């Protein structure tokens, strides 16, 4: 009887682990820009072998039922001040806009550029949209003595490998590959709870292809749930109050 009970426990543990899908674990984890109805200021430093640049930008997001809008608007430096990126999503349809103040023009980002880097963010438009992704079988891995889920996500010619801490369901590291070559490593440094949101407030990106390192820090004092609907209208991106 004891042997039967022990065998049952082993079987239960085995099936519990493998009953989880990679997409289910990914969807339930804390991710970059996966928050709802907040705005805040992000300060960043971009370091290359020859220079170091500092930037500051506003991030705001509103969500409603099956739609969401993400706004990124630069505050500093002066040469890119008021430049804005707007990512509108309704169900599985995502439309990306970028506003250039020098040209006083808003343009739609072409679908063929979905894997290109969002200006100043170090991640692509495609990384903000998990629809139509292909997930490989969920794996587990021990790194530095900690247990992680290893999730491999395929999109077009890109491969993203996520290491998600099993204890707190937060992403620790993201590896980005293209045609087998490692392009970037994103490391999550700090996560906080803000109301119903689990918010990543500090992260770094090692861009191996472009030989640069990007560091991002959210000003936690700037976090607010107060946003204006007009901020997210594509025809009003030229209205900058900075």
Protein backbone atom coordinates (compact mmCIF):
# COMPACT_ATOMS: atom_id res chain seq x y z
CA UNK A 1 0.00 0.00 0.00
CA UNK A 2 2.82 2.41 0.93
CA UNK A 3 4.62 1.63 -2.33
CA UNK A 4 1.41 2.27 -4.26
CA UNK A 5 0.88 5.60 -2.45
CA UNK A 6 4.48 6.67 -3.10
CA UNK A 7 4.18 5.73 -6.75
CA UNK A 8 0.97 7.75 -6.98
CA UNK A 9 2.74 10.82 -5.56
CA UNK A 10 5.56 10.48 -8.07
CA UNK A 11 3.08 10.11 -10.92
CA UNK A 12 1.11 13.15 -9.69
CA UNK A 13 4.26 15.28 -9.47
CA UNK A 14 5.35 14.19 -12.91
CA UNK A 15 2.02 14.90 -14.58
CA UNK A 16 1.62 18.21 -12.71
CA UNK A 17 4.87 19.53 -14.13
CA UNK A 18 4.23 18.38 -17.67
CA UNK A 19 0.56 19.43 -17.62
CA UNK A 20 1.83 23.02 -17.59
CA UNK A 21 2.25 24.56 -21.01
CA UNK A 22 5.04 26.95 -21.91
CA UNK A 23 2.54 29.56 -23.02
CA UNK A 24 0.55 29.32 -19.77
CA UNK A 25 3.70 29.90 -17.70
CA UNK A 26 4.75 32.76 -19.98
CA UNK A 27 1.31 34.43 -19.87
CA UNK A 28 1.20 34.34 -16.05
CA UNK A 29 4.70 35.82 -15.57
CA UNK A 30 5.72 39.42 -14.91
CA UNK A 31 7.00 40.91 -18.17
CA UNK A 32 8.35 44.21 -19.46
CA UNK A 33 5.52 46.67 -20.17
CA UNK A 34 2.90 44.07 -19.17
CA UNK A 35 1.12 46.38 -16.75
CA UNK A 36 -2.32 48.01 -16.84
CA UNK A 37 -3.46 51.65 -16.53
CA UNK A 38 -0.28 53.25 -15.21
CA UNK A 39 2.18 55.93 -16.26
CA UNK A 40 5.71 56.69 -15.05
CA UNK A 41 9.09 58.12 -16.04
CA UNK A 42 11.96 55.88 -17.11
CA UNK A 43 15.59 57.02 -16.97
CA UNK A 44 18.09 55.19 -19.14
CA UNK A 45 21.81 55.08 -19.83
CA UNK A 46 23.24 53.82 -23.12
CA UNK A 47 26.91 52.84 -22.93
CA UNK A 48 29.14 52.07 -25.92
CA UNK A 49 32.94 51.71 -26.11
CA UNK A 50 33.15 55.37 -27.18
CA UNK A 51 30.35 57.16 -25.36
CA UNK A 52 27.65 57.22 -22.71
CA UNK A 53 24.25 58.83 -23.31
CA UNK A 54 21.41 59.45 -20.88
CA UNK A 55 17.75 59.55 -21.82
CA UNK A 56 14.46 60.06 -20.02
CA UNK A 57 11.02 59.19 -21.28
CA UNK A 58 7.40 58.85 -20.22
CA UNK A 59 5.67 55.49 -20.43
CA UNK A 60 1.88 55.31 -20.17
CA UNK A 61 -0.53 52.49 -20.81
CA UNK A 62 -4.29 52.07 -20.75
CA UNK A 63 -6.19 48.82 -21.10
CA UNK A 64 -9.86 48.13 -21.67
CA UNK A 65 -11.43 44.74 -22.33
CA UNK A 66 -9.67 43.40 -25.45
CA UNK A 67 -7.71 46.53 -26.36
CA UNK A 68 -4.67 48.38 -25.05
CA UNK A 69 -2.56 51.43 -25.91
CA UNK A 70 1.08 51.94 -24.92
CA UNK A 71 2.64 55.40 -25.25
CA UNK A 72 6.35 56.18 -25.01
CA UNK A 73 7.33 59.87 -25.22
CA UNK A 74 10.87 61.18 -24.78
CA UNK A 75 11.64 63.99 -22.34
CA UNK A 76 15.42 64.19 -22.68
CA UNK A 77 17.80 64.89 -24.38
CA UNK A 78 16.59 67.97 -26.26
CA UNK A 79 17.36 66.61 -29.75
CA UNK A 80 14.76 63.83 -29.39
CA UNK A 81 12.41 65.60 -26.96
CA UNK A 82 8.70 64.87 -27.70
CA UNK A 83 9.48 61.98 -30.08
CA UNK A 84 6.68 59.49 -29.43
CA UNK A 85 5.88 55.83 -30.05
CA UNK A 86 2.30 54.57 -29.82
CA UNK A 87 1.43 50.87 -29.83
CA UNK A 88 -2.29 50.24 -30.26
CA UNK A 89 -3.61 46.73 -29.91
CA UNK A 90 -7.14 45.43 -30.39
CA UNK A 91 -7.56 41.69 -30.00
CA UNK A 92 -4.75 40.19 -32.12
CA UNK A 93 -4.26 43.28 -34.31
CA UNK A 94 -1.35 45.54 -33.34
CA UNK A 95 -0.63 48.87 -35.06
CA UNK A 96 2.55 50.82 -34.28
CA UNK A 97 3.01 54.56 -34.79
CA UNK A 98 6.00 56.85 -34.40
CA UNK A 99 5.93 60.66 -34.24
CA UNK A 100 8.92 62.81 -35.24
CA UNK A 101 8.65 66.37 -33.87
CA UNK A 102 11.27 67.75 -36.28
CA UNK A 103 9.11 66.62 -39.21
CA UNK A 104 5.81 67.18 -37.39
CA UNK A 105 4.73 63.90 -38.83
CA UNK A 106 3.26 60.63 -37.55
CA UNK A 107 3.86 57.49 -39.56
CA UNK A 108 2.74 53.89 -39.27
CA UNK A 109 5.57 51.42 -38.66
CA UNK A 110 5.52 48.88 -41.48
CA UNK A 111 4.79 45.27 -40.58
CA UNK A 112 8.10 44.23 -42.13
CA UNK A 113 9.83 46.31 -39.43
CA UNK A 114 8.12 44.49 -36.53
CA UNK A 115 11.43 42.88 -35.51
CA UNK A 116 13.28 46.20 -35.55
CA UNK A 117 14.15 47.92 -32.28
CA UNK A 118 11.69 50.40 -30.81
CA UNK A 119 13.50 53.73 -30.75
CA UNK A 120 15.49 53.95 -27.51
CA UNK A 121 14.04 50.84 -25.85
CA UNK A 122 16.36 48.06 -26.94
CA UNK A 123 13.43 45.71 -27.67
CA UNK A 124 11.34 45.22 -30.79
CA UNK A 125 7.67 45.86 -31.56
CA UNK A 126 7.25 42.10 -31.99
CA UNK A 127 8.40 41.51 -28.41
CA UNK A 128 5.38 43.48 -27.16
CA UNK A 129 2.99 41.21 -29.03
CA UNK A 130 2.82 37.53 -28.09
CA UNK A 131 -0.01 36.69 -30.51
CA UNK A 132 0.73 34.03 -33.13
CA UNK A 133 3.88 32.97 -31.32
CA UNK A 134 5.03 29.36 -31.38
CA UNK A 135 6.10 27.91 -28.04
CA UNK A 136 8.37 24.91 -27.74
CA UNK A 137 7.94 22.32 -24.98
CA UNK A 138 8.29 23.68 -21.44
CA UNK A 139 11.66 22.90 -19.86
CA UNK A 140 13.16 23.31 -16.40
CA UNK A 141 16.68 24.38 -15.54
CA UNK A 142 18.73 25.16 -12.43
CA UNK A 143 20.84 28.34 -12.66
CA UNK A 144 23.02 29.58 -9.82
CA UNK A 145 21.18 27.27 -7.44
CA UNK A 146 17.71 28.57 -8.39
CA UNK A 147 15.00 26.66 -10.25
CA UNK A 148 13.64 28.16 -13.45
CA UNK A 149 11.17 27.39 -16.17
CA UNK A 150 12.88 27.67 -19.54
CA UNK A 151 10.54 28.86 -22.27
CA UNK A 152 11.49 29.07 -25.93
CA UNK A 153 9.29 31.27 -28.10
CA UNK A 154 9.58 31.46 -31.90
CA UNK A 155 8.42 34.38 -34.01
CA UNK A 156 9.37 34.76 -37.66
CA UNK A 157 13.17 34.42 -37.84
CA UNK A 158 13.58 35.25 -34.16
CA UNK A 159 13.95 32.99 -31.13
CA UNK A 160 13.40 34.22 -27.56
CA UNK A 161 14.46 32.15 -24.55
CA UNK A 162 12.94 33.14 -21.19
CA UNK A 163 14.11 31.98 -17.77
CA UNK A 164 11.22 32.37 -15.33
CA UNK A 165 11.76 31.93 -11.60
CA UNK A 166 9.56 29.07 -10.37
CA UNK A 167 9.06 30.67 -6.94
CA UNK A 168 7.70 34.07 -7.95
CA UNK A 169 6.77 33.61 -11.64
CA UNK A 170 8.97 36.54 -12.68
CA UNK A 171 11.21 36.62 -15.73
CA UNK A 172 14.86 36.71 -14.74
CA UNK A 173 16.62 36.64 -18.11
CA UNK A 174 15.65 36.87 -21.79
CA UNK A 175 17.98 35.72 -24.56
CA UNK A 176 17.26 36.89 -28.11
CA UNK A 177 18.53 34.94 -31.12
CA UNK A 178 18.33 35.44 -34.87
CA UNK A 179 19.33 32.58 -37.15
CA UNK A 180 21.13 30.93 -34.23
CA UNK A 181 23.21 33.96 -33.28
CA UNK A 182 22.78 35.49 -29.81
CA UNK A 183 21.86 39.16 -30.27
CA UNK A 184 20.81 40.36 -26.82
CA UNK A 185 20.53 39.40 -23.18
CA UNK A 186 17.97 41.17 -21.01
CA UNK A 187 18.47 40.90 -17.24
CA UNK A 188 15.71 41.87 -14.81
CA UNK A 189 17.11 43.63 -11.73
CA UNK A 190 14.08 44.69 -9.67
CA UNK A 191 10.34 43.99 -9.51
CA UNK A 192 7.73 45.66 -7.29
CA UNK A 193 4.00 45.33 -6.64
CA UNK A 194 1.92 48.39 -7.49
CA UNK A 195 -1.74 47.79 -6.84
CA UNK A 196 -2.78 44.90 -9.06
CA UNK A 197 0.34 45.25 -11.18
CA UNK A 198 3.62 43.39 -10.88
CA UNK A 199 6.00 45.95 -12.32
CA UNK A 200 9.58 45.51 -13.51
CA UNK A 201 11.35 48.71 -12.44
CA UNK A 202 15.01 48.01 -13.25
CA UNK A 203 16.51 46.05 -16.14
CA UNK A 204 19.58 45.97 -18.37
CA UNK A 205 20.10 44.96 -21.99
CA UNK A 206 23.40 43.70 -23.36
CA UNK A 207 23.23 44.25 -27.11
CA UNK A 208 26.02 42.07 -28.48
CA UNK A 209 25.37 42.86 -32.13
CA UNK A 210 25.60 46.65 -31.65
CA UNK A 211 28.20 46.42 -28.86
CA UNK A 212 26.27 48.52 -26.36
CA UNK A 213 24.69 48.18 -22.93
CA UNK A 214 21.42 49.80 -21.92
CA UNK A 215 20.31 50.29 -18.31
CA UNK A 216 16.76 51.32 -17.37
CA UNK A 217 15.35 52.59 -14.07
CA UNK A 218 11.76 53.57 -13.39
CA UNK A 219 11.39 56.59 -11.11
CA UNK A 220 9.11 54.92 -8.56
CA UNK A 221 7.91 58.30 -7.24
CA UNK A 222 6.53 59.10 -10.70
CA UNK A 223 4.26 56.03 -10.89
CA UNK A 224 0.61 57.03 -11.11
CA UNK A 225 -2.68 55.56 -12.29
CA UNK A 226 -3.80 58.96 -13.62
CA UNK A 227 -3.72 59.09 -17.42
CA UNK A 228 -5.67 61.10 -20.01
CA UNK A 229 -7.44 59.32 -22.86
CA UNK A 230 -6.22 62.00 -25.30
CA UNK A 231 -2.61 60.88 -24.71
CA UNK A 232 -3.25 57.70 -26.68
CA UNK A 233 -4.82 59.17 -29.83
CA UNK A 234 -2.64 58.79 -32.92
CA UNK A 235 -3.83 62.15 -34.29
CA UNK A 236 -2.71 63.97 -31.14
CA UNK A 237 0.85 62.75 -30.83
CA UNK A 238 2.10 66.20 -31.84
CA UNK A 239 0.62 67.64 -28.64
CA UNK A 240 3.66 67.50 -26.35
CA UNK A 241 3.68 69.35 -23.00
CA UNK A 242 7.33 68.80 -22.06
